């Protein structure tokens, strides 16, 4: 089917980074299609994509140790790290294209260069980090990685973390200077501002109340327009549900078979934010540690320099919490409302299997302010309580589904696209690495939902993402070329 002869009606639910990315891709590939975005809040990027809610600020697996687990034989599995890095490279290529085309005027508004550092303590973890370094250092995606267990070197890399450290316990770190800090809230707003210049209708204060199939190829969306206090109906050829934690209930409304046996478990987060400018200026890196034994991947502690509204910030966390809400702006009935006859056994099975997670969340909920500061002092030995304040982060809804490998009620710690068999509706569920891999994920949505158009789109996609369909790990000349272009266009 020729998209130019048959303009389609497209609906994107949720004004976050995923819908923003998909909207821009569609407007570049099929500018004649009609795209409408519905967002229940008054502004774009207010929930999962918001800079104060989003813990993932440029996940590229350069420092995140949960992506490189140690196997029973002592070897390091780098599969996930390479996959995430490849996907983040796709995002950087797309952003480079947007800057070169003038669609993004000032990349400093959303991306800054920032070293990515892994930091460990104790003999066993130092040995693990050394093996991880040796497993990755020769991979072109991780070029420039350095390792050191020399305190004098580490004092230069991470002065705030080494200052006043008197423990005799061995420490080590790896560093890559090619890391970034990405403000996905700012990027989301930039992209939506651009989309509105391309006749994309962005309807805020619009709460989707029903999604139902009205024909073999059409969907009808019922929307409560809170601004005008009226109900509206909109038919579409394709619907994308990119509503963060709110995606699961909307997916369940569709009734598609793919929405069955899928559940969600909400996890809230807290960060400690530094309010002392002198302390903030002593640290300049994203530093990831190692999760404690028995703790879930979402609990990996990290001390991050961030750039928000042109100001440098310093955050430590996350500390997990629990609320039955699926969004910060959600309802306390979200969790119970998501339990349906089609997924109740999946949810119950997960509850029985994830007793360790339950115990961890209970322990986190019971942490006092002093106990949180004590955890911070494992990173910053001389941290002062008065220099830090608690910030409530966003909600994550971890996907629960039945899998062949994990069995019934398996908790997923990634991002998942669920698409109807005919491709007319798609939903994004899950969390990290999420926003960092938005372009890869949205290209996957296009491949699944528009198979009749994808071949004709490939030249344009290759212009936006030169490595599309390739592995940069195997295309070192191309990797070098796009790295140079990203450095020039994005300043990284």
Foldseek 3Di string as FASTA:
>chain_A
DDCQVPAFEEEEEALFLLCLLLLVLCCLQRLRHAYEYEAQAPDHCPWQLAQQFDPQFFDQLLAQCVCWDQDPVRATDNVSNLVSNQLLLQVLLLVLLCLVVVLDPALVQWKDFFKAKEKEWADVVLVSVVNVCVVPDPQLSNDQKDKDQDLVVVCVQQVQQSPPDPDPIGMMMIIHRRTMGGNRSSVSRSSVVSSVVSVHHYQYSKAWDAWEDPDPQKIKTWIQRPVVRDIDIDMTRAYEYEHALPQLVHVVRHVFPLSFQKAWFKKWWKKKKFPDPVSLVSGTHWYWYDDDPLEDSVWTWIWDFHQDPNDTIIIITTQIEHACASKPPGDSCNRVVSQDPRHVVLQVVQVVVVVSHVVSRVVSVPDDLVNVVVVVCNRRVPDDSVRIDMRIHIMAIWMFGADPVPGGGDTDADKDKGAHQQLRYIYIHHGPPPSSSSNVVSVVSCCRRPVVCVVVSVVVSCSSRVQVPHRCSVVVVVVVVSSVSSCVSNVD
